[in-house]
Amino acid sequence: MQCQGPDCTTEIEQAPGGHRQRAYCSDRCRMAASRQRAYRVEQARLKAEVEAKEQRERQELRNRYPMLAEESIDLLYNLKKQYQYGGLHLVSVIGAALVRENERPGERALLAADLFVQGQKKSYPAVTDNKTGRTLIWGNLADWFAFCNKSDVPTLRQALALLQGNPNVTGPARSGATHVTIG
């Protein structure tokens, strides 16, 4: 019979008679096997603790953000785990943003449609914020379409406010369109 010690290949000679069969060739192998069993038990305990902690943290995120999909909870958990020191703040900021987006289903689509209709009424002018000098939309149909399809809610709100805030449409813009400026 071969020794049951870790990485030991020694053959054990058994004593004749009614003695219990030896499993180890030496005390060194017996102790090494004992340490290995204890290590496996400890590793299993640590793994169970880590899994329990992960489940608790995920449940805390689910309780804090009940309206989010499981994929969003996974994202928040992984960010928190990856950025241990600043991760909690990062998770709070991103979680709040996800909640805001989720609380207003369809708001983005409604804002984009409203902005597009307002732009159509004014022949798709260029829209510029004079305070920042930033042109949000260049004055042509293709740019209006792209802007309305790709912009986020705050940017759509800003463009709509700029467009509605000044009914005067003045000056040439790109491709001969008119230009809306807010001072």
C-alpha atoms as a PDB file:
ATOM      1  CA  MET A   1       0.000   0.000   0.000  1.00  0.00           C
ATOM      2  CA  GLN A   2       1.226   3.534  -0.844  1.00  0.00           C
ATOM      3  CA  CYS A   3       1.678   6.236   1.822  1.00  0.00           C
ATOM      4  CA  GLN A   4      -1.305   8.632   2.090  1.00  0.00           C
ATOM      5  CA  GLY A   5       0.941  11.630   2.817  1.00  0.00           C
ATOM      6  CA  PRO A   6       0.861  14.498   0.313  1.00  0.00           C
ATOM      7  CA  ASP A   7       3.272  13.978  -2.567  1.00  0.00           C
ATOM      8  CA  CYS A   8       4.684  10.801  -0.977  1.00  0.00           C
ATOM      9  CA  THR A   9       5.092   7.712  -3.139  1.00  0.00           C
ATOM     10  CA  THR A  10       6.677   5.435  -0.518  1.00  0.00           C
ATOM     11  CA  GLU A  11       5.315   1.910  -0.310  1.00  0.00           C
ATOM     12  CA  ILE A  12       4.363   0.888   3.234  1.00  0.00           C
ATOM     13  CA  GLU A  13       5.009  -2.589   4.557  1.00  0.00           C
ATOM     14  CA  GLN A  14       2.150  -3.657   6.812  1.00  0.00           C
ATOM     15  CA  ALA A  15       2.882  -5.508  10.046  1.00  0.00           C
ATOM     16  CA  PRO A  16       1.608  -9.122   9.985  1.00  0.00           C
ATOM     17  CA  GLY A  17      -1.274 -10.124  12.177  1.00  0.00           C
ATOM     18  CA  GLY A  18      -4.405  -8.290  13.306  1.00  0.00           C
ATOM     19  CA  HIS A  19      -2.861  -4.849  13.491  1.00  0.00           C
ATOM     20  CA  ARG A  20      -4.502  -1.769  12.051  1.00  0.00           C
ATOM     21  CA  GLN A  21      -3.108  -0.945   8.635  1.00  0.00           C
ATOM     22  CA  ARG A  22      -0.671   1.943   8.495  1.00  0.00           C
ATOM     23  CA  ALA A  23      -1.655   4.842   6.238  1.00  0.00           C
ATOM     24  CA  TYR A  24       1.578   6.845   6.486  1.00  0.00           C
ATOM     25  CA  CYS A  25       5.203   5.937   6.156  1.00  0.00           C
ATOM     26  CA  SER A  26       6.337   8.383   8.856  1.00  0.00           C
ATOM     27  CA  ASP A  27       5.192  10.965  11.388  1.00  0.00           C
ATOM     28  CA  ARG A  28       6.277  13.661   8.931  1.00  0.00           C
ATOM     29  CA  CYS A  29       3.791  12.388   6.301  1.00  0.00           C
ATOM     30  CA  ARG A  30       1.040  11.955   8.931  1.00  0.00           C
ATOM     31  CA  MET A  31       1.475  15.565  10.110  1.00  0.00           C
ATOM     32  CA  ALA A  32       1.678  16.889   6.541  1.00  0.00           C
ATOM     33  CA  ALA A  33      -1.613  15.131   5.713  1.00  0.00           C
ATOM     34  CA  SER A  34      -3.171  16.542   8.892  1.00  0.00           C
ATOM     35  CA  ARG A  35      -2.037  20.067   7.995  1.00  0.00           C
ATOM     36  CA  GLN A  36      -3.355  19.630   4.455  1.00  0.00           C
ATOM     37  CA  ARG A  37      -6.803  18.570   5.761  1.00  0.00           C
ATOM     38  CA  ALA A  38      -6.868  21.520   8.155  1.00  0.00           C
ATOM     39  CA  TYR A  39      -5.882  23.858   5.308  1.00  0.00           C
ATOM     40  CA  ARG A  40      -8.719  22.563   3.111  1.00  0.00           C
ATOM     41  CA  VAL A  41     -11.231  23.020   5.941  1.00  0.00           C
ATOM     42  CA  GLU A  42      -9.979  26.576   6.530  1.00  0.00           C
ATOM     43  CA  GLN A  43     -10.118  27.385   2.803  1.00  0.00           C
ATOM     44  CA  ALA A  44     -13.701  26.114   2.597  1.00  0.00           C
ATOM     45  CA  ARG A  45     -14.636  28.239   5.639  1.00  0.00           C
ATOM     46  CA  LEU A  46     -12.999  31.355   4.138  1.00  0.00           C
ATOM     47  CA  LYS A  47     -14.697  30.753   0.789  1.00  0.00           C
ATOM     48  CA  ALA A  48     -18.077  30.452   2.527  1.00  0.00           C
ATOM     49  CA  GLU A  49     -17.416  33.715   4.420  1.00  0.00           C
ATOM     50  CA  VAL A  50     -16.462  35.542   1.216  1.00  0.00           C
ATOM     51  CA  GLU A  51     -19.556  34.252  -0.586  1.00  0.00           C
ATOM     52  CA  ALA A  52     -21.778  35.247   2.353  1.00  0.00           C
ATOM     53  CA  LYS A  53     -20.232  38.741   2.418  1.00  0.00           C
ATOM     54  CA  GLU A  54     -20.726  39.084  -1.345  1.00  0.00           C
ATOM     55  CA  GLN A  55     -24.379  38.057  -1.010  1.00  0.00           C
ATOM     56  CA  ARG A  56     -24.903  40.549   1.848  1.00  0.00           C
ATOM     57  CA  GLU A  57     -23.322  43.388  -0.150  1.00  0.00           C
ATOM     58  CA  ARG A  58     -25.345  42.545  -3.249  1.00  0.00           C
ATOM     59  CA  GLN A  59     -28.518  42.421  -1.143  1.00  0.00           C
ATOM     60  CA  GLU A  60     -27.660  45.817   0.360  1.00  0.00           C
ATOM     61  CA  LEU A  61     -27.342  47.209  -3.178  1.00  0.00           C
ATOM     62  CA  ARG A  62     -30.655  45.585  -4.164  1.00  0.00           C
ATOM     63  CA  ASN A  63     -32.320  47.133  -1.101  1.00  0.00           C
ATOM     64  CA  ARG A  64     -30.802  50.542  -1.814  1.00  0.00           C
ATOM     65  CA  TYR A  65     -31.651  50.447  -5.540  1.00  0.00           C
ATOM     66  CA  PRO A  66     -34.700  48.145  -5.819  1.00  0.00           C
ATOM     67  CA  MET A  67     -35.690  49.398  -9.260  1.00  0.00           C
ATOM     68  CA  LEU A  68     -32.400  48.438 -10.946  1.00  0.00           C
ATOM     69  CA  ALA A  69     -31.914  45.344 -13.065  1.00  0.00           C
ATOM     70  CA  GLU A  70     -29.590  42.593 -11.856  1.00  0.00           C
ATOM     71  CA  GLU A  71     -26.983  43.607 -14.459  1.00  0.00           C
ATOM     72  CA  SER A  72     -26.853  47.098 -12.927  1.00  0.00           C
ATOM     73  CA  ILE A  73     -26.504  45.626  -9.433  1.00  0.00           C
ATOM     74  CA  ASP A  74     -23.625  43.468 -10.726  1.00  0.00           C
ATOM     75  CA  LEU A  75     -21.972  46.552 -12.227  1.00  0.00           C
ATOM     76  CA  LEU A  76     -22.274  48.486  -8.969  1.00  0.00           C
ATOM     77  CA  TYR A  77     -20.982  45.550  -6.914  1.00  0.00           C
ATOM     78  CA  ASN A  78     -17.980  45.029  -9.197  1.00  0.00           C
ATOM     79  CA  LEU A  79     -17.140  48.750  -9.138  1.00  0.00           C
ATOM     80  CA  LYS A  80     -17.321  48.760  -5.352  1.00  0.00           C
ATOM     81  CA  LYS A  81     -15.122  45.675  -5.196  1.00  0.00           C
ATOM     82  CA  GLN A  82     -12.594  46.935  -7.760  1.00  0.00           C
ATOM     83  CA  TYR A  83     -12.226  50.416  -6.287  1.00  0.00           C
ATOM     84  CA  GLN A  84     -12.160  49.525  -2.606  1.00  0.00           C
ATOM     85  CA  TYR A  85     -11.182  52.947  -1.257  1.00  0.00           C
ATOM     86  CA  GLY A  86     -13.162  55.287  -3.517  1.00  0.00           C
ATOM     87  CA  GLY A  87     -15.581  52.637  -4.700  1.00  0.00           C
ATOM     88  CA  LEU A  88     -18.372  53.415  -2.273  1.00  0.00           C
ATOM     89  CA  HIS A  89     -18.594  57.012  -3.470  1.00  0.00           C
ATOM     90  CA  LEU A  90     -18.359  55.875  -7.091  1.00  0.00           C
ATOM     91  CA  VAL A  91     -21.131  53.325  -6.516  1.00  0.00           C
ATOM     92  CA  SER A  92     -23.313  55.997  -4.903  1.00  0.00           C
ATOM     93  CA  VAL A  93     -22.850  58.403  -7.813  1.00  0.00           C
ATOM     94  CA  ILE A  94     -23.448  55.790 -10.501  1.00  0.00           C
ATOM     95  CA  GLY A  95     -26.320  54.209  -8.572  1.00  0.00           C
ATOM     96  CA  ALA A  96     -28.026  57.583  -8.241  1.00  0.00           C
ATOM     97  CA  ALA A  97     -27.587  58.208 -11.970  1.00  0.00           C
ATOM     98  CA  LEU A  98     -29.068  54.821 -12.824  1.00  0.00           C
ATOM     99  CA  VAL A  99     -31.993  55.495 -10.507  1.00  0.00           C
ATOM    100  CA  ARG A 100     -32.631  58.890 -12.124  1.00  0.00           C
ATOM    101  CA  GLU A 101     -32.650  57.309 -15.564  1.00  0.00           C
ATOM    102  CA  ASN A 102     -34.906  54.513 -14.360  1.00  0.00           C
ATOM    103  CA  GLU A 103     -37.364  56.769 -12.536  1.00  0.00           C
ATOM    104  CA  ARG A 104     -38.321  58.558 -15.733  1.00  0.00           C
ATOM    105  CA  PRO A 105     -38.926  55.875 -18.322  1.00  0.00           C
ATOM    106  CA  GLY A 106     -39.383  57.405 -21.729  1.00  0.00           C
ATOM    107  CA  GLU A 107     -38.385  60.915 -20.632  1.00  0.00           C
ATOM    108  CA  ARG A 108     -35.423  60.949 -22.990  1.00  0.00           C
ATOM    109  CA  ALA A 109     -37.582  59.871 -25.923  1.00  0.00           C
ATOM    110  CA  LEU A 110     -40.226  62.487 -25.098  1.00  0.00           C
ATOM    111  CA  LEU A 111     -37.641  65.269 -24.789  1.00  0.00           C
ATOM    112  CA  ALA A 112     -35.982  64.255 -28.066  1.00  0.00           C
ATOM    113  CA  ALA A 113     -39.332  64.202 -29.876  1.00  0.00           C
ATOM    114  CA  ASP A 114     -40.355  67.576 -28.434  1.00  0.00           C
ATOM    115  CA  LEU A 115     -37.013  69.121 -29.360  1.00  0.00           C
ATOM    116  CA  PHE A 116     -37.213  67.716 -32.869  1.00  0.00           C
ATOM    117  CA  VAL A 117     -40.736  69.133 -33.350  1.00  0.00           C
ATOM    118  CA  GLN A 118     -39.630  72.526 -32.010  1.00  0.00           C
ATOM    119  CA  GLY A 119     -36.666  72.464 -34.377  1.00  0.00           C
ATOM    120  CA  GLN A 120     -38.914  71.570 -37.306  1.00  0.00           C
ATOM    121  CA  LYS A 121     -41.153  74.560 -36.538  1.00  0.00           C
ATOM    122  CA  LYS A 122     -38.100  76.831 -36.739  1.00  0.00           C
ATOM    123  CA  SER A 123     -36.566  75.151 -39.822  1.00  0.00           C
ATOM    124  CA  TYR A 124     -33.855  73.315 -37.847  1.00  0.00           C
ATOM    125  CA  PRO A 125     -31.687  76.259 -36.743  1.00  0.00           C
ATOM    126  CA  ALA A 126     -28.247  75.947 -35.191  1.00  0.00           C
ATOM    127  CA  VAL A 127     -28.501  76.191 -31.400  1.00  0.00           C
ATOM    128  CA  THR A 128     -25.667  77.852 -29.479  1.00  0.00           C
ATOM    129  CA  ASP A 129     -25.331  78.798 -25.827  1.00  0.00           C
ATOM    130  CA  ASN A 130     -23.676  82.245 -25.792  1.00  0.00           C
ATOM    131  CA  LYS A 131     -22.723  81.853 -22.131  1.00  0.00           C
ATOM    132  CA  THR A 132     -20.418  78.961 -22.943  1.00  0.00           C
ATOM    133  CA  GLY A 133     -19.978  79.543 -26.663  1.00  0.00           C
ATOM    134  CA  ARG A 134     -20.877  75.917 -27.244  1.00  0.00           C
ATOM    135  CA  THR A 135     -22.911  75.035 -30.316  1.00  0.00           C
ATOM    136  CA  LEU A 136     -25.199  72.198 -29.338  1.00  0.00           C
ATOM    137  CA  ILE A 137     -26.821  71.609 -32.717  1.00  0.00           C
ATOM    138  CA  TRP A 138     -25.636  72.721 -36.127  1.00  0.00           C
ATOM    139  CA  GLY A 139     -28.350  74.032 -38.390  1.00  0.00           C
ATOM    140  CA  ASN A 140     -29.346  71.143 -40.631  1.00  0.00           C
ATOM    141  CA  LEU A 141     -31.729  68.197 -40.504  1.00  0.00           C
ATOM    142  CA  ALA A 142     -29.013  65.516 -40.261  1.00  0.00           C
ATOM    143  CA  ASP A 143     -27.368  67.176 -37.244  1.00  0.00           C
ATOM    144  CA  TRP A 144     -30.740  67.660 -35.540  1.00  0.00           C
ATOM    145  CA  PHE A 145     -31.585  64.009 -36.093  1.00  0.00           C
ATOM    146  CA  ALA A 146     -28.211  62.828 -34.766  1.00  0.00           C
ATOM    147  CA  PHE A 147     -28.381  65.169 -31.756  1.00  0.00           C
ATOM    148  CA  CYS A 148     -31.894  64.074 -30.793  1.00  0.00           C
ATOM    149  CA  ASN A 149     -30.982  60.381 -31.091  1.00  0.00           C
ATOM    150  CA  LYS A 150     -27.660  60.454 -29.236  1.00  0.00           C
ATOM    151  CA  SER A 151     -27.928  63.125 -26.533  1.00  0.00           C
ATOM    152  CA  ASP A 152     -28.607  62.398 -22.881  1.00  0.00           C
ATOM    153  CA  VAL A 153     -31.503  63.861 -20.887  1.00  0.00           C
ATOM    154  CA  PRO A 154     -29.641  66.904 -19.416  1.00  0.00           C
ATOM    155  CA  THR A 155     -28.265  67.906 -22.833  1.00  0.00           C
ATOM    156  CA  LEU A 156     -31.691  67.544 -24.456  1.00  0.00           C
ATOM    157  CA  ARG A 157     -33.193  69.702 -21.686  1.00  0.00           C
ATOM    158  CA  GLN A 158     -30.519  72.347 -22.212  1.00  0.00           C
ATOM    159  CA  ALA A 159     -31.088  72.459 -25.975  1.00  0.00           C
ATOM    160  CA  LEU A 160     -34.869  72.634 -25.534  1.00  0.00           C
ATOM    161  CA  ALA A 161     -34.515  75.453 -22.994  1.00  0.00           C
ATOM    162  CA  LEU A 162     -32.210  77.351 -25.333  1.00  0.00           C
ATOM    163  CA  LEU A 163     -34.565  76.856 -28.257  1.00  0.00           C
ATOM    164  CA  GLN A 164     -37.686  77.843 -26.316  1.00  0.00           C
ATOM    165  CA  GLY A 165     -35.985  80.643 -24.391  1.00  0.00           C
ATOM    166  CA  ASN A 166     -35.364  82.797 -27.440  1.00  0.00           C
ATOM    167  CA  PRO A 167     -38.079  82.906 -30.083  1.00  0.00           C
ATOM    168  CA  ASN A 168     -35.891  85.168 -32.213  1.00  0.00           C
ATOM    169  CA  VAL A 169     -34.068  83.256 -34.878  1.00  0.00           C
ATOM    170  CA  THR A 170     -31.215  85.262 -36.338  1.00  0.00           C
ATOM    171  CA  GLY A 171     -28.113  85.014 -38.438  1.00  0.00           C
ATOM    172  CA  PRO A 172     -26.841  82.401 -40.898  1.00  0.00           C
ATOM    173  CA  ALA A 173     -25.676  79.008 -39.713  1.00  0.00           C
ATOM    174  CA  ARG A 174     -24.022  76.116 -41.476  1.00  0.00           C
ATOM    175  CA  SER A 175     -25.641  75.171 -44.811  1.00  0.00           C
ATOM    176  CA  GLY A 176     -27.550  78.441 -44.943  1.00  0.00           C
ATOM    177  CA  ALA A 177     -29.791  77.586 -41.962  1.00  0.00           C
ATOM    178  CA  THR A 178     -30.797  80.051 -39.302  1.00  0.00           C
ATOM    179  CA  HIS A 179     -29.079  80.291 -35.913  1.00  0.00           C
ATOM    180  CA  VAL A 180     -30.584  80.502 -32.404  1.00  0.00           C
ATOM    181  CA  THR A 181     -28.399  82.188 -29.819  1.00  0.00           C
ATOM    182  CA  ILE A 182     -29.083  82.811 -26.167  1.00  0.00           C
ATOM    183  CA  GLY A 183     -27.271  85.644 -24.392  1.00  0.00           C
END
